[in-house]
Amino acid sequence: MEQYHGTTILSVRRSGRVAMIGDGQATSGGGTVVKSSVRKVQRIHNNEILVGYAGATADAMALLERFENKLQENQGSLVLSAVSLAKDWRTDRYLRNLQAQLAVADADTSLLISGNGDVLEPEHDILAIGSGGEYARSAALALLQHTQLDAVEIARAGMKIAAEICIYTNSNWVEETLDSAASK
């Protein structure tokens, strides 16, 4: 079975709101679009946490399931669950071979979780992963620094630019938002 790869996930945080958007394209190793409406961003843990994934689909699903288990074990603590998953990912022989990344966010914190054992909180309140991630992040950073657009508008504009540049990113997006308790 061929590995699927390539995607773009972008998360932007501004004024008490976090927006996460993921494109819907799944491609095969040969560069063929297999499906254009994959849902790579979703709400988990009582709709309090957003998660987006990039990489091999089966690997990402395995990590997502483990992350949800970690959230249960840690009473929903995003940071503790992310660190615990990253630790397992580095030390478990099975997990070590998984090829995926997770972008996760709750109302107050955004994190990148990778197989290298990384749990990184992004600078500038922007987190992007996948093949079009750097295009989307660059566009979002410029908009965050030079406009008053809200988080959703910035994320949409960043994704639009990524979709225009990256052949593995389409314009069929799924977007989710969360508001911090202070902004409600």
N, C-alpha and C. Protein backbone atom coordinates (compact mmCIF):
# COMPACT_ATOMS: atom_id res chain seq x y z
N MET A 1 0.84 -1.19 0.00
CA MET A 1 0.00 0.00 0.00
C MET A 1 0.88 1.24 0.00
N GLU A 2 0.56 2.20 -0.89
CA GLU A 2 1.35 3.41 -0.98
C GLU A 2 1.11 4.32 0.22
N GLN A 3 2.16 5.04 0.62
CA GLN A 3 2.04 6.03 1.68
C GLN A 3 1.41 7.30 1.11
N TYR A 4 0.53 7.94 1.85
CA TYR A 4 -0.01 9.23 1.47
C TYR A 4 0.79 10.30 2.19
N HIS A 5 1.01 11.40 1.52
CA HIS A 5 1.80 12.46 2.16
C HIS A 5 1.34 13.82 1.68
N GLY A 6 1.88 14.82 2.31
CA GLY A 6 1.62 16.19 1.91
C GLY A 6 0.31 16.71 2.43
N THR A 7 0.37 17.86 3.01
CA THR A 7 -0.81 18.56 3.49
C THR A 7 -0.37 19.90 4.03
N THR A 8 -1.31 20.71 4.44
CA THR A 8 -0.99 21.95 5.13
C THR A 8 -1.99 22.13 6.27
N ILE A 9 -1.46 22.33 7.46
CA ILE A 9 -2.25 22.68 8.63
C ILE A 9 -1.71 24.01 9.13
N LEU A 10 -2.58 24.96 9.38
CA LEU A 10 -2.19 26.28 9.89
C LEU A 10 -3.05 26.65 11.08
N SER A 11 -2.39 27.08 12.15
CA SER A 11 -3.08 27.53 13.35
C SER A 11 -2.60 28.95 13.66
N VAL A 12 -3.56 29.85 13.88
CA VAL A 12 -3.25 31.25 14.18
C VAL A 12 -4.02 31.64 15.43
N ARG A 13 -3.35 32.32 16.33
CA ARG A 13 -3.96 32.77 17.58
C ARG A 13 -3.87 34.30 17.65
N ARG A 14 -5.01 34.95 17.91
CA ARG A 14 -5.03 36.40 18.06
C ARG A 14 -6.26 36.81 18.86
N SER A 15 -6.05 37.74 19.77
CA SER A 15 -7.14 38.35 20.54
C SER A 15 -8.08 37.33 21.18
N GLY A 16 -7.50 36.30 21.80
CA GLY A 16 -8.30 35.33 22.53
C GLY A 16 -8.97 34.27 21.69
N ARG A 17 -8.65 34.19 20.42
CA ARG A 17 -9.23 33.17 19.54
C ARG A 17 -8.12 32.44 18.81
N VAL A 18 -8.27 31.12 18.70
CA VAL A 18 -7.36 30.33 17.88
C VAL A 18 -8.17 29.72 16.73
N ALA A 19 -7.62 29.84 15.53
CA ALA A 19 -8.22 29.25 14.34
C ALA A 19 -7.25 28.22 13.80
N MET A 20 -7.75 27.02 13.47
CA MET A 20 -6.94 25.99 12.85
C MET A 20 -7.62 25.56 11.56
N ILE A 21 -6.85 25.56 10.48
CA ILE A 21 -7.37 25.20 9.17
C ILE A 21 -6.46 24.14 8.56
N GLY A 22 -7.07 23.14 7.93
CA GLY A 22 -6.32 22.12 7.22
C GLY A 22 -6.90 21.91 5.84
N ASP A 23 -6.02 21.70 4.86
CA ASP A 23 -6.52 21.44 3.52
C ASP A 23 -7.07 20.01 3.47
N GLY A 24 -7.73 19.68 2.36
CA GLY A 24 -8.39 18.38 2.27
C GLY A 24 -7.78 17.42 1.28
N GLN A 25 -6.58 17.69 0.81
CA GLN A 25 -6.01 16.86 -0.25
C GLN A 25 -5.17 15.71 0.28
N ALA A 26 -5.43 14.52 -0.24
CA ALA A 26 -4.60 13.34 0.03
C ALA A 26 -3.98 12.93 -1.29
N THR A 27 -2.67 12.76 -1.29
CA THR A 27 -1.96 12.37 -2.51
C THR A 27 -1.22 11.07 -2.29
N SER A 28 -1.01 10.36 -3.37
CA SER A 28 -0.23 9.13 -3.29
C SER A 28 1.23 9.47 -3.55
N GLY A 29 2.10 8.49 -3.32
CA GLY A 29 3.53 8.69 -3.50
C GLY A 29 3.91 9.15 -4.89
N GLY A 30 3.11 8.86 -5.87
CA GLY A 30 3.39 9.27 -7.25
C GLY A 30 2.90 10.66 -7.59
N GLY A 31 2.37 11.39 -6.61
CA GLY A 31 1.90 12.74 -6.86
C GLY A 31 0.50 12.81 -7.41
N THR A 32 -0.26 11.74 -7.29
CA THR A 32 -1.64 11.71 -7.76
C THR A 32 -2.59 12.07 -6.62
N VAL A 33 -3.56 12.93 -6.91
CA VAL A 33 -4.56 13.27 -5.90
C VAL A 33 -5.50 12.09 -5.78
N VAL A 34 -5.60 11.55 -4.56
CA VAL A 34 -6.45 10.40 -4.30
C VAL A 34 -7.82 10.85 -3.81
N LYS A 35 -7.83 11.91 -3.01
CA LYS A 35 -9.07 12.44 -2.47
C LYS A 35 -8.85 13.91 -2.18
N SER A 36 -9.89 14.72 -2.38
CA SER A 36 -9.73 16.16 -2.17
C SER A 36 -10.52 16.69 -0.98
N SER A 37 -11.15 15.80 -0.22
CA SER A 37 -11.99 16.26 0.89
C SER A 37 -11.71 15.51 2.19
N VAL A 38 -10.44 15.29 2.49
CA VAL A 38 -10.06 14.62 3.73
C VAL A 38 -10.17 15.63 4.89
N ARG A 39 -10.68 15.17 6.01
CA ARG A 39 -10.81 16.04 7.19
C ARG A 39 -9.59 15.83 8.08
N LYS A 40 -8.64 16.78 8.06
CA LYS A 40 -7.38 16.68 8.80
C LYS A 40 -7.34 17.57 10.03
N VAL A 41 -8.40 18.30 10.28
CA VAL A 41 -8.54 19.13 11.47
C VAL A 41 -9.83 18.73 12.14
N GLN A 42 -9.78 18.52 13.44
CA GLN A 42 -10.99 18.15 14.17
C GLN A 42 -10.92 18.57 15.62
N ARG A 43 -12.07 18.53 16.26
CA ARG A 43 -12.18 18.80 17.69
C ARG A 43 -12.17 17.47 18.43
N ILE A 44 -11.47 17.43 19.54
CA ILE A 44 -11.44 16.24 20.38
C ILE A 44 -11.60 16.66 21.84
N HIS A 45 -11.68 15.68 22.71
CA HIS A 45 -11.77 15.89 24.16
C HIS A 45 -12.86 16.92 24.52
N ASN A 46 -14.10 16.50 24.32
CA ASN A 46 -15.26 17.34 24.64
C ASN A 46 -15.26 18.66 23.86
N ASN A 47 -14.74 18.63 22.65
CA ASN A 47 -14.67 19.81 21.78
C ASN A 47 -13.79 20.93 22.33
N GLU A 48 -12.92 20.62 23.29
CA GLU A 48 -12.08 21.64 23.91
C GLU A 48 -10.68 21.74 23.31
N ILE A 49 -10.33 20.80 22.42
CA ILE A 49 -8.99 20.77 21.84
C ILE A 49 -9.11 20.58 20.34
N LEU A 50 -8.34 21.38 19.61
CA LEU A 50 -8.25 21.24 18.17
C LEU A 50 -6.99 20.46 17.84
N VAL A 51 -7.10 19.59 16.84
CA VAL A 51 -5.93 18.83 16.40
C VAL A 51 -5.94 18.76 14.88
N GLY A 52 -4.74 18.94 14.31
CA GLY A 52 -4.54 18.79 12.89
C GLY A 52 -3.34 17.90 12.67
N TYR A 53 -3.35 17.14 11.58
CA TYR A 53 -2.24 16.22 11.36
C TYR A 53 -1.71 16.33 9.94
N ALA A 54 -0.43 16.04 9.81
CA ALA A 54 0.23 15.97 8.51
C ALA A 54 1.10 14.73 8.50
N GLY A 55 1.24 14.13 7.34
CA GLY A 55 2.07 12.94 7.21
C GLY A 55 1.25 11.76 6.73
N ALA A 56 1.78 10.57 6.95
CA ALA A 56 1.10 9.35 6.55
C ALA A 56 -0.20 9.22 7.35
N THR A 57 -1.29 9.02 6.66
CA THR A 57 -2.61 9.03 7.30
C THR A 57 -2.75 7.99 8.40
N ALA A 58 -2.36 6.77 8.14
CA ALA A 58 -2.49 5.72 9.15
C ALA A 58 -1.63 6.04 10.37
N ASP A 59 -0.44 6.58 10.15
CA ASP A 59 0.43 6.96 11.25
C ASP A 59 -0.20 8.08 12.07
N ALA A 60 -0.74 9.08 11.38
CA ALA A 60 -1.38 10.20 12.07
C ALA A 60 -2.57 9.73 12.90
N MET A 61 -3.36 8.79 12.37
CA MET A 61 -4.51 8.28 13.10
C MET A 61 -4.07 7.52 14.35
N ALA A 62 -2.98 6.76 14.24
CA ALA A 62 -2.45 6.04 15.40
C ALA A 62 -2.00 7.03 16.47
N LEU A 63 -1.35 8.11 16.06
CA LEU A 63 -0.90 9.13 17.01
C LEU A 63 -2.07 9.88 17.63
N LEU A 64 -3.04 10.19 16.81
CA LEU A 64 -4.23 10.88 17.31
C LEU A 64 -4.93 10.06 18.38
N GLU A 65 -5.06 8.77 18.14
CA GLU A 65 -5.70 7.88 19.12
C GLU A 65 -4.90 7.88 20.43
N ARG A 66 -3.59 7.78 20.33
CA ARG A 66 -2.75 7.79 21.53
C ARG A 66 -2.82 9.13 22.25
N PHE A 67 -2.88 10.21 21.48
CA PHE A 67 -2.98 11.53 22.09
C PHE A 67 -4.30 11.67 22.86
N GLU A 68 -5.38 11.19 22.28
CA GLU A 68 -6.66 11.23 22.98
C GLU A 68 -6.60 10.42 24.28
N ASN A 69 -5.92 9.28 24.26
CA ASN A 69 -5.75 8.50 25.49
C ASN A 69 -4.94 9.26 26.52
N LYS A 70 -3.91 9.96 26.08
CA LYS A 70 -3.10 10.77 26.99
C LYS A 70 -3.93 11.89 27.61
N LEU A 71 -4.82 12.49 26.83
CA LEU A 71 -5.69 13.53 27.37
C LEU A 71 -6.59 12.97 28.46
N GLN A 72 -7.10 11.77 28.26
CA GLN A 72 -7.91 11.12 29.30
C GLN A 72 -7.10 10.88 30.56
N GLU A 73 -5.88 10.35 30.39
CA GLU A 73 -5.01 10.07 31.53
C GLU A 73 -4.63 11.32 32.30
N ASN A 74 -4.50 12.45 31.60
CA ASN A 74 -4.02 13.69 32.20
C ASN A 74 -5.13 14.72 32.41
N GLN A 75 -6.36 14.27 32.54
CA GLN A 75 -7.52 15.12 32.79
C GLN A 75 -7.59 16.32 31.85
N GLY A 76 -7.24 16.10 30.59
CA GLY A 76 -7.37 17.13 29.58
C GLY A 76 -6.23 18.13 29.50
N SER A 77 -5.18 17.93 30.26
CA SER A 77 -4.04 18.86 30.21
C SER A 77 -3.31 18.71 28.88
N LEU A 78 -3.37 19.75 28.07
CA LEU A 78 -2.76 19.71 26.74
C LEU A 78 -1.25 19.52 26.84
N VAL A 79 -0.59 20.28 27.67
CA VAL A 79 0.87 20.22 27.76
C VAL A 79 1.35 18.87 28.30
N LEU A 80 0.77 18.41 29.39
CA LEU A 80 1.17 17.11 29.95
C LEU A 80 0.93 15.98 28.95
N SER A 81 -0.18 16.03 28.26
CA SER A 81 -0.51 14.98 27.28
C SER A 81 0.45 15.01 26.10
N ALA A 82 0.79 16.20 25.64
CA ALA A 82 1.72 16.34 24.51
C ALA A 82 3.11 15.83 24.89
N VAL A 83 3.59 16.20 26.06
CA VAL A 83 4.91 15.75 26.51
C VAL A 83 4.92 14.24 26.68
N SER A 84 3.88 13.70 27.25
CA SER A 84 3.79 12.26 27.44
C SER A 84 3.78 11.51 26.11
N LEU A 85 3.03 12.02 25.14
CA LEU A 85 3.00 11.39 23.82
C LEU A 85 4.37 11.48 23.16
N ALA A 86 5.01 12.63 23.21
CA ALA A 86 6.33 12.80 22.59
C ALA A 86 7.36 11.87 23.22
N LYS A 87 7.27 11.71 24.52
CA LYS A 87 8.20 10.79 25.22
C LYS A 87 7.98 9.36 24.73
N ASP A 88 6.71 8.93 24.66
CA ASP A 88 6.41 7.58 24.16
C ASP A 88 6.86 7.43 22.71
N TRP A 89 6.64 8.47 21.92
CA TRP A 89 6.97 8.44 20.51
C TRP A 89 8.47 8.22 20.30
N ARG A 90 9.28 8.82 21.16
CA ARG A 90 10.73 8.67 21.05
C ARG A 90 11.23 7.32 21.56
N THR A 91 10.55 6.76 22.55
CA THR A 91 11.08 5.57 23.21
C THR A 91 10.42 4.27 22.80
N ASP A 92 9.21 4.31 22.27
CA ASP A 92 8.50 3.10 21.88
C ASP A 92 8.95 2.64 20.50
N ARG A 93 9.32 1.41 20.38
CA ARG A 93 9.85 0.86 19.12
C ARG A 93 8.85 0.97 17.98
N TYR A 94 7.58 0.71 18.26
CA TYR A 94 6.54 0.82 17.23
C TYR A 94 6.32 2.28 16.83
N LEU A 95 6.12 3.14 17.81
CA LEU A 95 5.81 4.54 17.53
C LEU A 95 6.96 5.26 16.83
N ARG A 96 8.16 4.87 17.13
CA ARG A 96 9.35 5.55 16.60
C ARG A 96 9.35 5.60 15.07
N ASN A 97 8.69 4.65 14.43
CA ASN A 97 8.68 4.60 12.97
C ASN A 97 7.53 5.36 12.32
N LEU A 98 6.66 5.95 13.11
CA LEU A 98 5.52 6.66 12.54
C LEU A 98 5.96 7.97 11.91
N GLN A 99 5.42 8.25 10.74
CA GLN A 99 5.79 9.42 9.96
C GLN A 99 4.61 10.40 9.93
N ALA A 100 4.53 11.24 10.93
CA ALA A 100 3.45 12.23 11.00
C ALA A 100 3.82 13.31 12.01
N GLN A 101 3.07 14.38 11.99
CA GLN A 101 3.18 15.44 12.97
C GLN A 101 1.78 15.83 13.40
N LEU A 102 1.66 16.31 14.63
CA LEU A 102 0.38 16.80 15.13
C LEU A 102 0.51 18.27 15.52
N ALA A 103 -0.48 19.05 15.15
CA ALA A 103 -0.63 20.42 15.65
C ALA A 103 -1.83 20.36 16.58
N VAL A 104 -1.66 20.79 17.82
CA VAL A 104 -2.74 20.73 18.79
C VAL A 104 -2.91 22.09 19.46
N ALA A 105 -4.14 22.41 19.84
CA ALA A 105 -4.40 23.70 20.48
C ALA A 105 -5.62 23.59 21.38
N ASP A 106 -5.52 24.24 22.52
CA ASP A 106 -6.70 24.45 23.34
C ASP A 106 -6.95 25.96 23.35
N ALA A 107 -7.80 26.42 24.22
CA ALA A 107 -8.16 27.84 24.23
C ALA A 107 -6.97 28.76 24.52
N ASP A 108 -5.92 28.23 25.17
CA ASP A 108 -4.83 29.09 25.59
C ASP A 108 -3.45 28.73 25.04
N THR A 109 -3.26 27.51 24.54
CA THR A 109 -1.94 27.04 24.15
C THR A 109 -1.99 26.30 22.82
N SER A 110 -0.97 26.52 21.99
CA SER A 110 -0.81 25.77 20.74
C SER A 110 0.53 25.05 20.80
N LEU A 111 0.57 23.80 20.30
CA LEU A 111 1.79 23.00 20.35
C LEU A 111 1.96 22.19 19.08
N LEU A 112 3.22 22.00 18.70
CA LEU A 112 3.61 21.06 17.67
C LEU A 112 4.18 19.84 18.37
N ILE A 113 3.72 18.64 17.98
CA ILE A 113 4.24 17.40 18.54
C ILE A 113 4.84 16.62 17.38
N SER A 114 6.12 16.26 17.51
CA SER A 114 6.78 15.52 16.43
C SER A 114 7.43 14.25 16.94
N GLY A 115 7.79 13.38 16.02
CA GLY A 115 8.43 12.12 16.34
C GLY A 115 9.86 12.26 16.81
N ASN A 116 10.41 13.46 16.70
CA ASN A 116 11.76 13.69 17.21
C ASN A 116 11.77 13.93 18.71
N GLY A 117 10.60 13.86 19.31
CA GLY A 117 10.48 14.14 20.74
C GLY A 117 10.21 15.61 21.01
N ASP A 118 9.91 16.36 19.97
CA ASP A 118 9.66 17.79 20.12
C ASP A 118 8.23 18.06 20.58
N VAL A 119 8.12 18.97 21.52
CA VAL A 119 6.86 19.59 21.88
C VAL A 119 7.17 21.08 21.90
N LEU A 120 6.75 21.77 20.85
CA LEU A 120 7.14 23.16 20.68
C LEU A 120 5.93 24.08 20.68
N GLU A 121 6.03 25.13 21.48
CA GLU A 121 5.04 26.19 21.43
C GLU A 121 5.54 27.21 20.42
N PRO A 122 4.74 27.57 19.44
CA PRO A 122 5.24 28.43 18.36
C PRO A 122 5.48 29.86 18.80
N GLU A 123 6.43 30.49 18.12
CA GLU A 123 6.61 31.92 18.29
C GLU A 123 5.54 32.63 17.49
N HIS A 124 5.20 33.80 17.90
CA HIS A 124 4.29 34.67 17.16
C HIS A 124 2.88 34.11 17.03
N ASP A 125 2.52 33.11 17.84
CA ASP A 125 1.16 32.56 17.85
C ASP A 125 0.73 31.95 16.53
N ILE A 126 1.69 31.46 15.75
CA ILE A 126 1.39 30.80 14.48
C ILE A 126 2.07 29.44 14.47
N LEU A 127 1.33 28.42 14.10
CA LEU A 127 1.86 27.06 14.01
C LEU A 127 1.45 26.50 12.66
N ALA A 128 2.41 25.96 11.92
CA ALA A 128 2.10 25.39 10.61
C ALA A 128 2.91 24.13 10.40
N ILE A 129 2.27 23.10 9.86
CA ILE A 129 2.94 21.84 9.56
C ILE A 129 2.54 21.38 8.16
N GLY A 130 3.29 20.44 7.65
CA GLY A 130 2.99 19.85 6.36
C GLY A 130 3.77 20.49 5.23
N SER A 131 3.56 19.97 4.04
CA SER A 131 4.34 20.40 2.88
C SER A 131 4.14 21.87 2.52
N GLY A 132 2.98 22.42 2.79
CA GLY A 132 2.74 23.84 2.52
C GLY A 132 2.82 24.69 3.77
N GLY A 133 3.27 24.10 4.87
CA GLY A 133 3.29 24.79 6.14
C GLY A 133 4.11 26.06 6.18
N GLU A 134 5.29 26.03 5.58
CA GLU A 134 6.15 27.22 5.62
C GLU A 134 5.58 28.36 4.79
N TYR A 135 4.90 28.03 3.68
CA TYR A 135 4.26 29.09 2.89
C TYR A 135 3.14 29.73 3.69
N ALA A 136 2.31 28.88 4.30
CA ALA A 136 1.18 29.38 5.09
C ALA A 136 1.66 30.17 6.30
N ARG A 137 2.69 29.67 6.97
CA ARG A 137 3.22 30.36 8.15
C ARG A 137 3.79 31.73 7.79
N SER A 138 4.54 31.78 6.70
CA SER A 138 5.13 33.06 6.28
C SER A 138 4.05 34.09 5.96
N ALA A 139 3.04 33.68 5.21
CA ALA A 139 1.96 34.60 4.88
C ALA A 139 1.21 35.04 6.13
N ALA A 140 0.93 34.10 7.02
CA ALA A 140 0.21 34.44 8.26
C ALA A 140 1.02 35.38 9.14
N LEU A 141 2.32 35.17 9.22
CA LEU A 141 3.18 36.02 10.04
C LEU A 141 3.16 37.46 9.52
N ALA A 142 3.26 37.63 8.22
CA ALA A 142 3.20 38.98 7.64
C ALA A 142 1.87 39.65 7.96
N LEU A 143 0.79 38.90 7.82
CA LEU A 143 -0.53 39.46 8.11
C LEU A 143 -0.71 39.77 9.59
N LEU A 144 -0.20 38.90 10.45
CA LEU A 144 -0.31 39.13 11.89
C LEU A 144 0.45 40.39 12.30
N GLN A 145 1.61 40.61 11.70
CA GLN A 145 2.44 41.75 12.07
C GLN A 145 2.01 43.07 11.43
N HIS A 146 1.30 43.00 10.29
CA HIS A 146 1.05 44.24 9.55
C HIS A 146 -0.41 44.55 9.28
N THR A 147 -1.32 43.77 9.89
CA THR A 147 -2.74 44.05 9.72
C THR A 147 -3.45 43.88 11.06
N GLN A 148 -4.69 44.23 11.07
CA GLN A 148 -5.55 44.03 12.24
C GLN A 148 -6.56 42.89 11.99
N LEU A 149 -6.33 42.09 10.96
CA LEU A 149 -7.23 40.97 10.68
C LEU A 149 -7.33 40.05 11.88
N ASP A 150 -8.47 39.38 12.02
CA ASP A 150 -8.61 38.44 13.14
C ASP A 150 -7.97 37.10 12.79
N ALA A 151 -7.94 36.20 13.74
CA ALA A 151 -7.25 34.91 13.59
C ALA A 151 -7.80 34.11 12.40
N VAL A 152 -9.11 34.09 12.24
CA VAL A 152 -9.72 33.32 11.16
C VAL A 152 -9.35 33.91 9.80
N GLU A 153 -9.43 35.23 9.68
CA GLU A 153 -9.09 35.87 8.41
C GLU A 153 -7.62 35.64 8.04
N ILE A 154 -6.74 35.71 9.02
CA ILE A 154 -5.32 35.47 8.77
C ILE A 154 -5.09 34.03 8.34
N ALA A 155 -5.71 33.09 9.05
CA ALA A 155 -5.53 31.67 8.70
C ALA A 155 -6.05 31.38 7.30
N ARG A 156 -7.19 31.93 6.94
CA ARG A 156 -7.73 31.72 5.60
C ARG A 156 -6.81 32.29 4.52
N ALA A 157 -6.31 33.49 4.75
CA ALA A 157 -5.41 34.11 3.77
C ALA A 157 -4.10 33.33 3.64
N GLY A 158 -3.56 32.87 4.78
CA GLY A 158 -2.34 32.06 4.75
C GLY A 158 -2.53 30.76 4.00
N MET A 159 -3.66 30.12 4.21
CA MET A 159 -3.96 28.87 3.51
C MET A 159 -4.17 29.11 2.01
N LYS A 160 -4.80 30.21 1.67
CA LYS A 160 -5.01 30.52 0.25
C LYS A 160 -3.67 30.66 -0.46
N ILE A 161 -2.74 31.35 0.16
CA ILE A 161 -1.42 31.52 -0.43
C ILE A 161 -0.70 30.18 -0.53
N ALA A 162 -0.76 29.38 0.51
CA ALA A 162 -0.12 28.05 0.48
C ALA A 162 -0.70 27.20 -0.64
N ALA A 163 -2.03 27.24 -0.82
CA ALA A 163 -2.67 26.43 -1.85
C ALA A 163 -2.27 26.89 -3.26
N GLU A 164 -1.93 28.15 -3.40
CA GLU A 164 -1.50 28.66 -4.69
C GLU A 164 -0.06 28.26 -5.02
N ILE A 165 0.74 27.93 -4.00
CA ILE A 165 2.15 27.63 -4.19
C ILE A 165 2.46 26.13 -4.11
N CYS A 166 1.87 25.45 -3.13
CA CYS A 166 2.20 24.05 -2.84
C CYS A 166 1.27 23.10 -3.60
N ILE A 167 1.84 22.21 -4.40
CA ILE A 167 1.01 21.29 -5.18
C ILE A 167 0.32 20.23 -4.32
N TYR A 168 0.74 20.08 -3.08
CA TYR A 168 0.12 19.10 -2.18
C TYR A 168 -0.94 19.73 -1.28
N THR A 169 -1.31 20.98 -1.55
CA THR A 169 -2.29 21.69 -0.73
C THR A 169 -3.42 22.18 -1.64
N ASN A 170 -4.66 21.90 -1.24
CA ASN A 170 -5.78 22.40 -2.03
C ASN A 170 -6.57 23.44 -1.25
N SER A 171 -7.61 23.95 -1.86
CA SER A 171 -8.43 25.00 -1.25
C SER A 171 -9.71 24.46 -0.62
N ASN A 172 -9.78 23.16 -0.43
CA ASN A 172 -10.94 22.54 0.20
C ASN A 172 -10.61 22.37 1.69
N TRP A 173 -10.88 23.40 2.48
CA TRP A 173 -10.42 23.46 3.87
C TRP A 173 -11.48 23.02 4.86
N VAL A 174 -10.98 22.56 5.99
CA VAL A 174 -11.79 22.38 7.19
C VAL A 174 -11.21 23.35 8.20
N GLU A 175 -12.05 24.14 8.83
CA GLU A 175 -11.56 25.08 9.83
C GLU A 175 -12.35 24.95 11.12
N GLU A 176 -11.63 25.14 12.19
CA GLU A 176 -12.22 25.10 13.53
C GLU A 176 -11.66 26.27 14.33
N THR A 177 -12.43 26.76 15.30
CA THR A 177 -11.96 27.84 16.17
C THR A 177 -12.30 27.54 17.62
N LEU A 178 -11.52 28.13 18.49
CA LEU A 178 -11.78 28.10 19.94
C LEU A 178 -11.53 29.50 20.48
N ASP A 179 -12.31 29.88 21.47
CA ASP A 179 -12.11 31.16 22.15
C ASP A 179 -11.60 30.90 23.55
N SER A 180 -10.69 31.75 24.03
CA SER A 180 -10.21 31.62 25.40
C SER A 180 -11.31 32.04 26.35
N ALA A 181 -11.20 31.59 27.58
CA ALA A 181 -12.21 31.92 28.59
C ALA A 181 -12.29 33.44 28.80
N ALA A 182 -11.18 34.12 28.68
CA ALA A 182 -11.14 35.57 28.89
C ALA A 182 -11.89 36.34 27.80
N SER A 183 -11.99 35.75 26.60
CA SER A 183 -12.63 36.46 25.49
C SER A 183 -14.12 36.13 25.35
N LYS A 184 -14.62 35.23 26.17
CA LYS A 184 -16.04 34.82 26.07
C LYS A 184 -16.93 35.80 26.77
